[in-house]
Amino acid sequence: MHLRIAPHPSPIGTLLIVTDDQAQLRALDFDDREADMRKWLRLHYGAVTLPPGETPRATLHALDAYFAGDLAAIDALPVATGGTPFQREVWAALRAIPAGRTLGYGELAAQLGRPGASRAVGLANNANPVSIVVPCHRVIGKQGALTGYGGGLPRKRWLLEHESRHTSDAPQRRLIF
């Protein structure tokens, strides 16, 4: 599989954007997590060439617009991932969580029709290869606890606060920092 990687600045650190020849996002993570991202790519795609390349302009514009406050700008970005069928089901459900809202792991499991699978949902959430666009940061612990985010809790906090600032109609859950 031939993919390309490119860095892109953001307010919370340099992003590494991996796209394929069809301009689909295959991975998006922070540059300090590059080793984990490459490991994930090998696990799901086998031998992957990952030369530097240009990110599609539409992807860059959407990410920049998101960080500028247009939270819906990333909603239509094309994403293609490996993963198990269950992981892909969880990641699709993550994309359905509106910006400015959060869900608990148990709530997300229940939405998927698997009310006892909150741990499995958490593991799938943790394996999400496309940070921000597949908004795993919108899943929180019990009673609003800010838990687990591969990019680090300060980035998760920033993303949730950013979305809260730019979404006036979303009911807010009290987060425990």
N, C-alpha and C. Protein backbone atom coordinates (compact mmCIF):
# COMPACT_ATOMS: atom_id res chain seq x y z
N MET A 1 0.85 -1.17 0.00
CA MET A 1 0.00 0.00 0.00
C MET A 1 0.89 1.23 0.00
N HIS A 2 0.57 2.17 -0.84
CA HIS A 2 1.33 3.42 -0.92
C HIS A 2 0.52 4.54 -0.27
N LEU A 3 1.07 5.07 0.77
CA LEU A 3 0.47 6.21 1.48
C LEU A 3 1.48 7.33 1.51
N ARG A 4 1.04 8.51 1.88
CA ARG A 4 1.97 9.62 2.04
C ARG A 4 1.70 10.32 3.36
N ILE A 5 2.74 10.93 3.89
CA ILE A 5 2.65 11.58 5.19
C ILE A 5 3.12 13.03 5.06
N ALA A 6 2.46 13.89 5.80
CA ALA A 6 2.85 15.30 5.80
C ALA A 6 2.54 15.91 7.16
N PRO A 7 3.42 16.78 7.63
CA PRO A 7 3.15 17.49 8.88
C PRO A 7 2.25 18.70 8.60
N HIS A 8 1.52 19.10 9.63
CA HIS A 8 0.67 20.29 9.52
C HIS A 8 0.54 20.89 10.91
N PRO A 9 0.79 22.19 11.04
CA PRO A 9 0.70 22.81 12.37
C PRO A 9 -0.74 22.91 12.85
N SER A 10 -0.90 22.82 14.16
CA SER A 10 -2.20 23.05 14.79
C SER A 10 -1.94 23.76 16.11
N PRO A 11 -2.98 24.31 16.72
CA PRO A 11 -2.80 24.99 18.00
C PRO A 11 -2.35 24.06 19.14
N ILE A 12 -2.46 22.75 18.94
CA ILE A 12 -2.10 21.83 20.02
C ILE A 12 -0.97 20.89 19.62
N GLY A 13 -0.21 21.28 18.64
CA GLY A 13 0.94 20.49 18.22
C GLY A 13 0.89 20.16 16.75
N THR A 14 2.02 19.76 16.23
CA THR A 14 2.11 19.41 14.82
C THR A 14 1.39 18.09 14.57
N LEU A 15 0.51 18.12 13.58
CA LEU A 15 -0.22 16.93 13.17
C LEU A 15 0.56 16.20 12.08
N LEU A 16 0.49 14.90 12.07
CA LEU A 16 0.99 14.09 10.96
C LEU A 16 -0.23 13.53 10.26
N ILE A 17 -0.35 13.86 8.98
CA ILE A 17 -1.52 13.48 8.21
C ILE A 17 -1.11 12.44 7.18
N VAL A 18 -1.75 11.29 7.22
CA VAL A 18 -1.46 10.20 6.28
C VAL A 18 -2.67 10.03 5.38
N THR A 19 -2.43 10.13 4.07
CA THR A 19 -3.51 9.99 3.09
C THR A 19 -3.10 8.96 2.04
N ASP A 20 -4.10 8.48 1.32
CA ASP A 20 -3.85 7.53 0.23
C ASP A 20 -4.04 8.23 -1.11
N ASP A 21 -3.95 7.47 -2.18
CA ASP A 21 -4.05 8.04 -3.52
C ASP A 21 -5.44 8.55 -3.86
N GLN A 22 -6.44 8.17 -3.07
CA GLN A 22 -7.81 8.66 -3.29
C GLN A 22 -8.14 9.84 -2.36
N ALA A 23 -7.13 10.42 -1.74
CA ALA A 23 -7.27 11.58 -0.84
C ALA A 23 -8.04 11.25 0.43
N GLN A 24 -8.05 9.98 0.81
CA GLN A 24 -8.72 9.58 2.05
C GLN A 24 -7.72 9.61 3.20
N LEU A 25 -8.21 10.04 4.36
CA LEU A 25 -7.38 10.00 5.56
C LEU A 25 -7.22 8.55 6.00
N ARG A 26 -6.00 8.13 6.21
CA ARG A 26 -5.71 6.79 6.72
C ARG A 26 -5.24 6.87 8.16
N ALA A 27 -4.62 7.99 8.52
CA ALA A 27 -4.18 8.22 9.89
C ALA A 27 -3.98 9.72 10.09
N LEU A 28 -4.20 10.15 11.30
CA LEU A 28 -3.95 11.53 11.68
C LEU A 28 -3.61 11.50 13.17
N ASP A 29 -2.41 11.93 13.48
CA ASP A 29 -1.98 11.92 14.87
C ASP A 29 -0.97 13.04 15.08
N PHE A 30 -0.51 13.17 16.29
CA PHE A 30 0.45 14.21 16.64
C PHE A 30 1.86 13.70 16.40
N ASP A 31 2.77 14.61 16.05
CA ASP A 31 4.12 14.17 15.69
C ASP A 31 4.85 13.46 16.82
N ASP A 32 4.48 13.74 18.07
CA ASP A 32 5.13 13.03 19.17
C ASP A 32 4.59 11.60 19.34
N ARG A 33 3.65 11.22 18.50
CA ARG A 33 3.08 9.87 18.53
C ARG A 33 3.35 9.12 17.21
N GLU A 34 4.34 9.59 16.46
CA GLU A 34 4.62 9.01 15.15
C GLU A 34 4.95 7.52 15.22
N ALA A 35 5.72 7.11 16.20
CA ALA A 35 6.08 5.69 16.29
C ALA A 35 4.84 4.82 16.47
N ASP A 36 3.91 5.24 17.33
CA ASP A 36 2.67 4.49 17.52
C ASP A 36 1.84 4.47 16.24
N MET A 37 1.80 5.59 15.53
CA MET A 37 1.03 5.66 14.30
C MET A 37 1.60 4.72 13.25
N ARG A 38 2.92 4.69 13.11
CA ARG A 38 3.55 3.79 12.13
C ARG A 38 3.31 2.32 12.50
N LYS A 39 3.35 2.03 13.80
CA LYS A 39 3.07 0.67 14.27
C LYS A 39 1.65 0.27 13.89
N TRP A 40 0.68 1.16 14.10
CA TRP A 40 -0.71 0.89 13.76
C TRP A 40 -0.84 0.64 12.25
N LEU A 41 -0.20 1.48 11.44
CA LEU A 41 -0.28 1.32 9.99
C LEU A 41 0.26 -0.04 9.55
N ARG A 42 1.41 -0.45 10.11
CA ARG A 42 1.97 -1.77 9.77
C ARG A 42 1.03 -2.90 10.20
N LEU A 43 0.45 -2.77 11.39
CA LEU A 43 -0.45 -3.80 11.90
C LEU A 43 -1.64 -4.00 10.98
N HIS A 44 -2.21 -2.93 10.47
CA HIS A 44 -3.43 -3.03 9.67
C HIS A 44 -3.22 -3.13 8.17
N TYR A 45 -2.06 -2.68 7.69
CA TYR A 45 -1.85 -2.68 6.24
C TYR A 45 -0.63 -3.47 5.80
N GLY A 46 0.14 -3.99 6.74
CA GLY A 46 1.35 -4.71 6.37
C GLY A 46 2.43 -3.74 5.92
N ALA A 47 3.16 -4.13 4.90
CA ALA A 47 4.24 -3.28 4.39
C ALA A 47 3.65 -2.02 3.76
N VAL A 48 3.99 -0.90 4.33
CA VAL A 48 3.46 0.38 3.86
C VAL A 48 4.64 1.29 3.53
N THR A 49 4.62 1.84 2.33
CA THR A 49 5.58 2.91 2.05
C THR A 49 4.95 4.20 2.53
N LEU A 50 5.73 5.02 3.15
CA LEU A 50 5.19 6.25 3.75
C LEU A 50 6.13 7.43 3.47
N PRO A 51 6.29 7.76 2.19
CA PRO A 51 7.15 8.89 1.87
C PRO A 51 6.45 10.22 2.18
N PRO A 52 7.24 11.26 2.35
CA PRO A 52 6.62 12.58 2.49
C PRO A 52 5.84 12.93 1.23
N GLY A 53 4.74 13.62 1.41
CA GLY A 53 3.92 14.01 0.27
C GLY A 53 2.97 15.11 0.68
N GLU A 54 2.27 15.62 -0.28
CA GLU A 54 1.34 16.71 0.01
C GLU A 54 0.00 16.15 0.48
N THR A 55 -0.56 16.85 1.45
CA THR A 55 -1.91 16.54 1.92
C THR A 55 -2.89 17.24 0.99
N PRO A 56 -3.98 16.58 0.63
CA PRO A 56 -4.98 17.25 -0.21
C PRO A 56 -5.42 18.58 0.41
N ARG A 57 -5.53 19.59 -0.43
CA ARG A 57 -5.90 20.94 0.06
C ARG A 57 -7.21 20.94 0.83
N ALA A 58 -8.17 20.15 0.37
CA ALA A 58 -9.46 20.12 1.07
C ALA A 58 -9.29 19.65 2.51
N THR A 59 -8.40 18.70 2.72
CA THR A 59 -8.14 18.22 4.08
C THR A 59 -7.51 19.31 4.93
N LEU A 60 -6.51 19.99 4.38
CA LEU A 60 -5.85 21.08 5.12
C LEU A 60 -6.83 22.21 5.43
N HIS A 61 -7.64 22.58 4.45
CA HIS A 61 -8.62 23.65 4.68
C HIS A 61 -9.62 23.26 5.75
N ALA A 62 -10.07 22.02 5.71
CA ALA A 62 -11.05 21.55 6.70
C ALA A 62 -10.45 21.56 8.11
N LEU A 63 -9.23 21.07 8.25
CA LEU A 63 -8.58 21.08 9.57
C LEU A 63 -8.36 22.50 10.08
N ASP A 64 -7.88 23.37 9.19
CA ASP A 64 -7.66 24.76 9.59
C ASP A 64 -8.98 25.43 10.00
N ALA A 65 -10.04 25.15 9.26
CA ALA A 65 -11.36 25.72 9.58
C ALA A 65 -11.84 25.19 10.93
N TYR A 66 -11.66 23.91 11.18
CA TYR A 66 -12.04 23.33 12.47
C TYR A 66 -11.33 24.07 13.60
N PHE A 67 -10.04 24.24 13.48
CA PHE A 67 -9.28 24.90 14.55
C PHE A 67 -9.63 26.38 14.66
N ALA A 68 -10.16 26.97 13.59
CA ALA A 68 -10.60 28.36 13.63
C ALA A 68 -12.02 28.50 14.18
N GLY A 69 -12.69 27.38 14.45
CA GLY A 69 -14.02 27.44 15.05
C GLY A 69 -15.15 26.88 14.22
N ASP A 70 -14.89 26.52 12.97
CA ASP A 70 -15.92 25.90 12.13
C ASP A 70 -15.85 24.39 12.36
N LEU A 71 -16.50 23.96 13.41
CA LEU A 71 -16.36 22.58 13.86
C LEU A 71 -16.88 21.55 12.86
N ALA A 72 -17.84 21.93 12.05
CA ALA A 72 -18.42 21.00 11.07
C ALA A 72 -17.53 20.82 9.85
N ALA A 73 -16.48 21.60 9.73
CA ALA A 73 -15.64 21.55 8.53
C ALA A 73 -15.01 20.19 8.31
N ILE A 74 -14.78 19.44 9.37
CA ILE A 74 -14.12 18.13 9.23
C ILE A 74 -15.10 16.97 9.03
N ASP A 75 -16.38 17.25 9.16
CA ASP A 75 -17.39 16.18 9.14
C ASP A 75 -17.41 15.38 7.85
N ALA A 76 -17.14 16.01 6.73
CA ALA A 76 -17.25 15.31 5.44
C ALA A 76 -15.91 14.79 4.92
N LEU A 77 -14.84 14.96 5.70
CA LEU A 77 -13.55 14.46 5.22
C LEU A 77 -13.61 12.95 5.04
N PRO A 78 -13.12 12.45 3.92
CA PRO A 78 -13.16 11.00 3.69
C PRO A 78 -12.11 10.28 4.53
N VAL A 79 -12.55 9.24 5.21
CA VAL A 79 -11.69 8.45 6.07
C VAL A 79 -11.79 6.99 5.64
N ALA A 80 -10.64 6.32 5.56
CA ALA A 80 -10.60 4.89 5.28
C ALA A 80 -9.61 4.27 6.25
N THR A 81 -10.06 3.31 7.02
CA THR A 81 -9.19 2.71 8.02
C THR A 81 -9.21 1.20 7.91
N GLY A 82 -8.20 0.61 8.49
CA GLY A 82 -8.20 -0.84 8.67
C GLY A 82 -9.02 -1.11 9.92
N GLY A 83 -8.57 -2.03 10.72
CA GLY A 83 -9.27 -2.33 11.97
C GLY A 83 -10.27 -3.46 11.80
N THR A 84 -10.73 -3.94 12.92
CA THR A 84 -11.73 -5.00 12.92
C THR A 84 -13.10 -4.41 12.59
N PRO A 85 -14.04 -5.25 12.23
CA PRO A 85 -15.40 -4.72 12.01
C PRO A 85 -15.94 -3.97 13.23
N PHE A 86 -15.69 -4.49 14.44
CA PHE A 86 -16.17 -3.81 15.64
C PHE A 86 -15.49 -2.46 15.81
N GLN A 87 -14.18 -2.38 15.59
CA GLN A 87 -13.49 -1.10 15.69
C GLN A 87 -14.07 -0.09 14.70
N ARG A 88 -14.27 -0.53 13.47
CA ARG A 88 -14.82 0.39 12.46
C ARG A 88 -16.23 0.83 12.83
N GLU A 89 -17.00 -0.04 13.46
CA GLU A 89 -18.34 0.32 13.93
C GLU A 89 -18.25 1.40 15.02
N VAL A 90 -17.32 1.23 15.94
CA VAL A 90 -17.13 2.23 17.00
C VAL A 90 -16.67 3.55 16.38
N TRP A 91 -15.71 3.49 15.46
CA TRP A 91 -15.21 4.72 14.86
C TRP A 91 -16.29 5.45 14.06
N ALA A 92 -17.16 4.72 13.41
CA ALA A 92 -18.29 5.36 12.72
C ALA A 92 -19.22 6.02 13.73
N ALA A 93 -19.45 5.36 14.86
CA ALA A 93 -20.31 5.95 15.90
C ALA A 93 -19.67 7.21 16.48
N LEU A 94 -18.35 7.23 16.58
CA LEU A 94 -17.67 8.43 17.08
C LEU A 94 -17.94 9.62 16.16
N ARG A 95 -17.93 9.38 14.87
CA ARG A 95 -18.17 10.48 13.92
C ARG A 95 -19.60 11.02 14.02
N ALA A 96 -20.49 10.24 14.63
CA ALA A 96 -21.88 10.69 14.77
C ALA A 96 -22.09 11.52 16.04
N ILE A 97 -21.10 11.59 16.91
CA ILE A 97 -21.24 12.42 18.13
C ILE A 97 -21.06 13.87 17.70
N PRO A 98 -22.06 14.71 17.91
CA PRO A 98 -21.94 16.10 17.48
C PRO A 98 -20.85 16.85 18.24
N ALA A 99 -20.21 17.76 17.56
CA ALA A 99 -19.22 18.61 18.20
C ALA A 99 -19.86 19.34 19.37
N GLY A 100 -19.12 19.46 20.43
CA GLY A 100 -19.63 20.13 21.62
C GLY A 100 -20.34 19.20 22.58
N ARG A 101 -20.51 17.95 22.19
CA ARG A 101 -21.17 16.97 23.07
C ARG A 101 -20.18 15.88 23.43
N THR A 102 -20.49 15.21 24.52
CA THR A 102 -19.67 14.09 24.95
C THR A 102 -20.57 12.91 25.29
N LEU A 103 -19.98 11.73 25.25
CA LEU A 103 -20.67 10.51 25.65
C LEU A 103 -19.73 9.72 26.55
N GLY A 104 -20.30 8.97 27.45
CA GLY A 104 -19.50 8.03 28.23
C GLY A 104 -19.30 6.75 27.44
N TYR A 105 -18.32 5.97 27.85
CA TYR A 105 -18.04 4.70 27.18
C TYR A 105 -19.27 3.79 27.22
N GLY A 106 -19.94 3.72 28.36
CA GLY A 106 -21.13 2.90 28.49
C GLY A 106 -22.25 3.38 27.60
N GLU A 107 -22.41 4.71 27.50
CA GLU A 107 -23.45 5.26 26.63
C GLU A 107 -23.19 4.90 25.17
N LEU A 108 -21.94 4.99 24.77
CA LEU A 108 -21.60 4.65 23.39
C LEU A 108 -21.83 3.16 23.13
N ALA A 109 -21.45 2.33 24.09
CA ALA A 109 -21.69 0.89 23.95
C ALA A 109 -23.19 0.61 23.81
N ALA A 110 -24.00 1.27 24.62
CA ALA A 110 -25.45 1.08 24.55
C ALA A 110 -25.99 1.53 23.20
N GLN A 111 -25.50 2.64 22.68
CA GLN A 111 -25.94 3.10 21.36
C GLN A 111 -25.63 2.08 20.27
N LEU A 112 -24.55 1.34 20.47
CA LEU A 112 -24.15 0.33 19.49
C LEU A 112 -24.90 -0.98 19.69
N GLY A 113 -25.80 -1.00 20.67
CA GLY A 113 -26.55 -2.22 20.94
C GLY A 113 -25.76 -3.24 21.74
N ARG A 114 -24.71 -2.80 22.39
CA ARG A 114 -23.86 -3.68 23.20
C ARG A 114 -23.66 -3.07 24.58
N PRO A 115 -24.71 -3.02 25.38
CA PRO A 115 -24.64 -2.29 26.65
C PRO A 115 -23.58 -2.79 27.63
N GLY A 116 -23.12 -4.00 27.50
CA GLY A 116 -22.09 -4.51 28.40
C GLY A 116 -20.68 -4.39 27.86
N ALA A 117 -20.51 -3.69 26.76
CA ALA A 117 -19.22 -3.68 26.07
C ALA A 117 -18.45 -2.37 26.23
N SER A 118 -18.62 -1.70 27.36
CA SER A 118 -17.95 -0.40 27.50
C SER A 118 -16.42 -0.54 27.43
N ARG A 119 -15.87 -1.63 27.96
CA ARG A 119 -14.41 -1.83 27.87
C ARG A 119 -13.97 -2.04 26.43
N ALA A 120 -14.71 -2.83 25.69
CA ALA A 120 -14.37 -3.07 24.29
C ALA A 120 -14.48 -1.77 23.50
N VAL A 121 -15.48 -0.96 23.81
CA VAL A 121 -15.62 0.35 23.16
C VAL A 121 -14.41 1.22 23.51
N GLY A 122 -13.98 1.18 24.76
CA GLY A 122 -12.81 1.94 25.18
C GLY A 122 -11.56 1.51 24.44
N LEU A 123 -11.38 0.19 24.26
CA LEU A 123 -10.21 -0.30 23.52
C LEU A 123 -10.26 0.12 22.05
N ALA A 124 -11.44 0.05 21.45
CA ALA A 124 -11.58 0.49 20.06
C ALA A 124 -11.35 1.98 19.95
N ASN A 125 -11.86 2.73 20.90
CA ASN A 125 -11.67 4.17 20.92
C ASN A 125 -10.17 4.49 20.99
N ASN A 126 -9.46 3.76 21.83
CA ASN A 126 -8.03 3.97 22.00
C ASN A 126 -7.24 3.62 20.74
N ALA A 127 -7.76 2.72 19.92
CA ALA A 127 -7.07 2.29 18.71
C ALA A 127 -7.41 3.17 17.50
N ASN A 128 -8.21 4.19 17.68
CA ASN A 128 -8.61 5.07 16.59
C ASN A 128 -7.38 5.68 15.90
N PRO A 129 -7.20 5.45 14.61
CA PRO A 129 -6.03 5.98 13.92
C PRO A 129 -6.19 7.40 13.39
N VAL A 130 -7.39 7.94 13.40
CA VAL A 130 -7.64 9.24 12.78
C VAL A 130 -8.14 10.21 13.85
N SER A 131 -7.21 10.71 14.62
CA SER A 131 -7.54 11.64 15.70
C SER A 131 -8.27 12.86 15.16
N ILE A 132 -9.04 13.47 15.99
CA ILE A 132 -9.80 14.71 15.75
C ILE A 132 -10.94 14.49 14.77
N VAL A 133 -10.65 14.03 13.56
CA VAL A 133 -11.69 13.83 12.55
C VAL A 133 -12.63 12.70 12.98
N VAL A 134 -12.08 11.64 13.52
CA VAL A 134 -12.87 10.60 14.18
C VAL A 134 -12.71 10.94 15.66
N PRO A 135 -13.68 11.68 16.20
CA PRO A 135 -13.49 12.39 17.47
C PRO A 135 -13.55 11.54 18.74
N CYS A 136 -12.52 10.73 18.92
CA CYS A 136 -12.45 9.90 20.12
C CYS A 136 -12.32 10.75 21.38
N HIS A 137 -11.92 12.01 21.22
CA HIS A 137 -11.82 12.90 22.39
C HIS A 137 -13.19 13.22 22.99
N ARG A 138 -14.27 12.95 22.28
CA ARG A 138 -15.61 13.24 22.78
C ARG A 138 -16.15 12.14 23.70
N VAL A 139 -15.37 11.10 23.93
CA VAL A 139 -15.79 10.03 24.83
C VAL A 139 -15.07 10.24 26.16
N ILE A 140 -15.87 10.27 27.22
CA ILE A 140 -15.33 10.57 28.55
C ILE A 140 -15.72 9.47 29.52
N GLY A 141 -15.12 9.53 30.69
CA GLY A 141 -15.39 8.53 31.72
C GLY A 141 -16.67 8.82 32.48
N LYS A 142 -16.91 7.98 33.47
CA LYS A 142 -18.11 8.12 34.28
C LYS A 142 -18.16 9.49 34.95
N GLN A 143 -19.36 10.03 35.03
CA GLN A 143 -19.64 11.30 35.70
C GLN A 143 -18.76 12.43 35.19
N GLY A 144 -18.37 12.37 33.91
CA GLY A 144 -17.63 13.46 33.29
C GLY A 144 -16.13 13.42 33.48
N ALA A 145 -15.59 12.32 33.96
CA ALA A 145 -14.14 12.24 34.18
C ALA A 145 -13.41 12.27 32.84
N LEU A 146 -12.41 13.10 32.78
CA LEU A 146 -11.59 13.21 31.59
C LEU A 146 -10.56 12.08 31.62
N THR A 147 -10.79 11.07 30.82
CA THR A 147 -9.93 9.89 30.84
C THR A 147 -9.40 9.60 29.45
N GLY A 148 -8.30 8.91 29.42
CA GLY A 148 -7.68 8.37 28.23
C GLY A 148 -7.78 9.14 26.94
N TYR A 149 -6.65 9.57 26.42
CA TYR A 149 -6.56 10.14 25.09
C TYR A 149 -5.12 9.95 24.65
N GLY A 150 -4.93 9.28 23.52
CA GLY A 150 -3.58 8.98 23.05
C GLY A 150 -2.71 10.21 22.94
N GLY A 151 -3.29 11.32 22.55
CA GLY A 151 -2.54 12.57 22.41
C GLY A 151 -2.26 13.27 23.72
N GLY A 152 -2.78 12.72 24.81
CA GLY A 152 -2.58 13.31 26.13
C GLY A 152 -3.80 14.07 26.60
N LEU A 153 -4.02 14.04 27.90
CA LEU A 153 -5.20 14.71 28.47
C LEU A 153 -5.21 16.22 28.24
N PRO A 154 -4.06 16.92 28.26
CA PRO A 154 -4.13 18.36 27.95
C PRO A 154 -4.70 18.64 26.56
N ARG A 155 -4.37 17.82 25.58
CA ARG A 155 -4.93 18.01 24.24
C ARG A 155 -6.41 17.68 24.23
N LYS A 156 -6.81 16.63 24.92
CA LYS A 156 -8.23 16.27 24.99
C LYS A 156 -9.01 17.42 25.62
N ARG A 157 -8.50 17.94 26.70
CA ARG A 157 -9.15 19.07 27.38
C ARG A 157 -9.28 20.26 26.42
N TRP A 158 -8.19 20.56 25.69
CA TRP A 158 -8.21 21.68 24.76
C TRP A 158 -9.28 21.46 23.69
N LEU A 159 -9.34 20.27 23.12
CA LEU A 159 -10.31 19.98 22.07
C LEU A 159 -11.74 20.13 22.58
N LEU A 160 -12.01 19.59 23.75
CA LEU A 160 -13.37 19.69 24.31
C LEU A 160 -13.72 21.14 24.65
N GLU A 161 -12.80 21.89 25.20
CA GLU A 161 -13.06 23.30 25.50
C GLU A 161 -13.23 24.11 24.22
N HIS A 162 -12.41 23.81 23.21
CA HIS A 162 -12.53 24.48 21.90
C HIS A 162 -13.92 24.24 21.31
N GLU A 163 -14.36 23.00 21.33
CA GLU A 163 -15.67 22.68 20.78
C GLU A 163 -16.78 23.32 21.61
N SER A 164 -16.61 23.36 22.90
CA SER A 164 -17.61 23.98 23.77
C SER A 164 -17.73 25.48 23.48
N ARG A 165 -16.60 26.12 23.27
CA ARG A 165 -16.60 27.57 22.97
C ARG A 165 -17.32 27.88 21.66
N HIS A 166 -17.25 26.98 20.71
CA HIS A 166 -17.79 27.24 19.38
C HIS A 166 -19.11 26.54 19.11
N THR A 167 -19.73 26.00 20.16
CA THR A 167 -21.03 25.34 20.03
C THR A 167 -21.92 25.88 21.13
N SER A 168 -22.80 26.78 20.78
CA SER A 168 -23.63 27.40 21.81
C SER A 168 -24.87 26.60 22.15
N ASP A 169 -25.33 25.74 21.26
CA ASP A 169 -26.60 25.04 21.50
C ASP A 169 -26.43 23.64 22.08
N ALA A 170 -25.20 23.19 22.26
CA ALA A 170 -25.01 21.83 22.76
C ALA A 170 -25.11 21.80 24.27
N PRO A 171 -25.88 20.87 24.82
CA PRO A 171 -25.92 20.73 26.27
C PRO A 171 -24.55 20.27 26.77
N GLN A 172 -24.08 20.90 27.79
CA GLN A 172 -22.75 20.59 28.28
C GLN A 172 -22.81 19.70 29.51
N ARG A 173 -21.94 18.76 29.54
CA ARG A 173 -21.76 17.87 30.69
C ARG A 173 -20.60 18.45 31.49
N ARG A 174 -20.73 18.44 32.77
CA ARG A 174 -19.64 18.92 33.61
C ARG A 174 -18.48 17.94 33.52
N LEU A 175 -17.34 18.44 33.09
CA LEU A 175 -16.17 17.59 32.96
C LEU A 175 -15.33 17.70 34.21
N ILE A 176 -14.74 16.60 34.58
CA ILE A 176 -13.85 16.57 35.75
C ILE A 176 -12.43 16.53 35.23
N PHE A 177 -11.73 17.63 35.44
CA PHE A 177 -10.34 17.72 34.99
C PHE A 177 -9.46 17.36 36.11
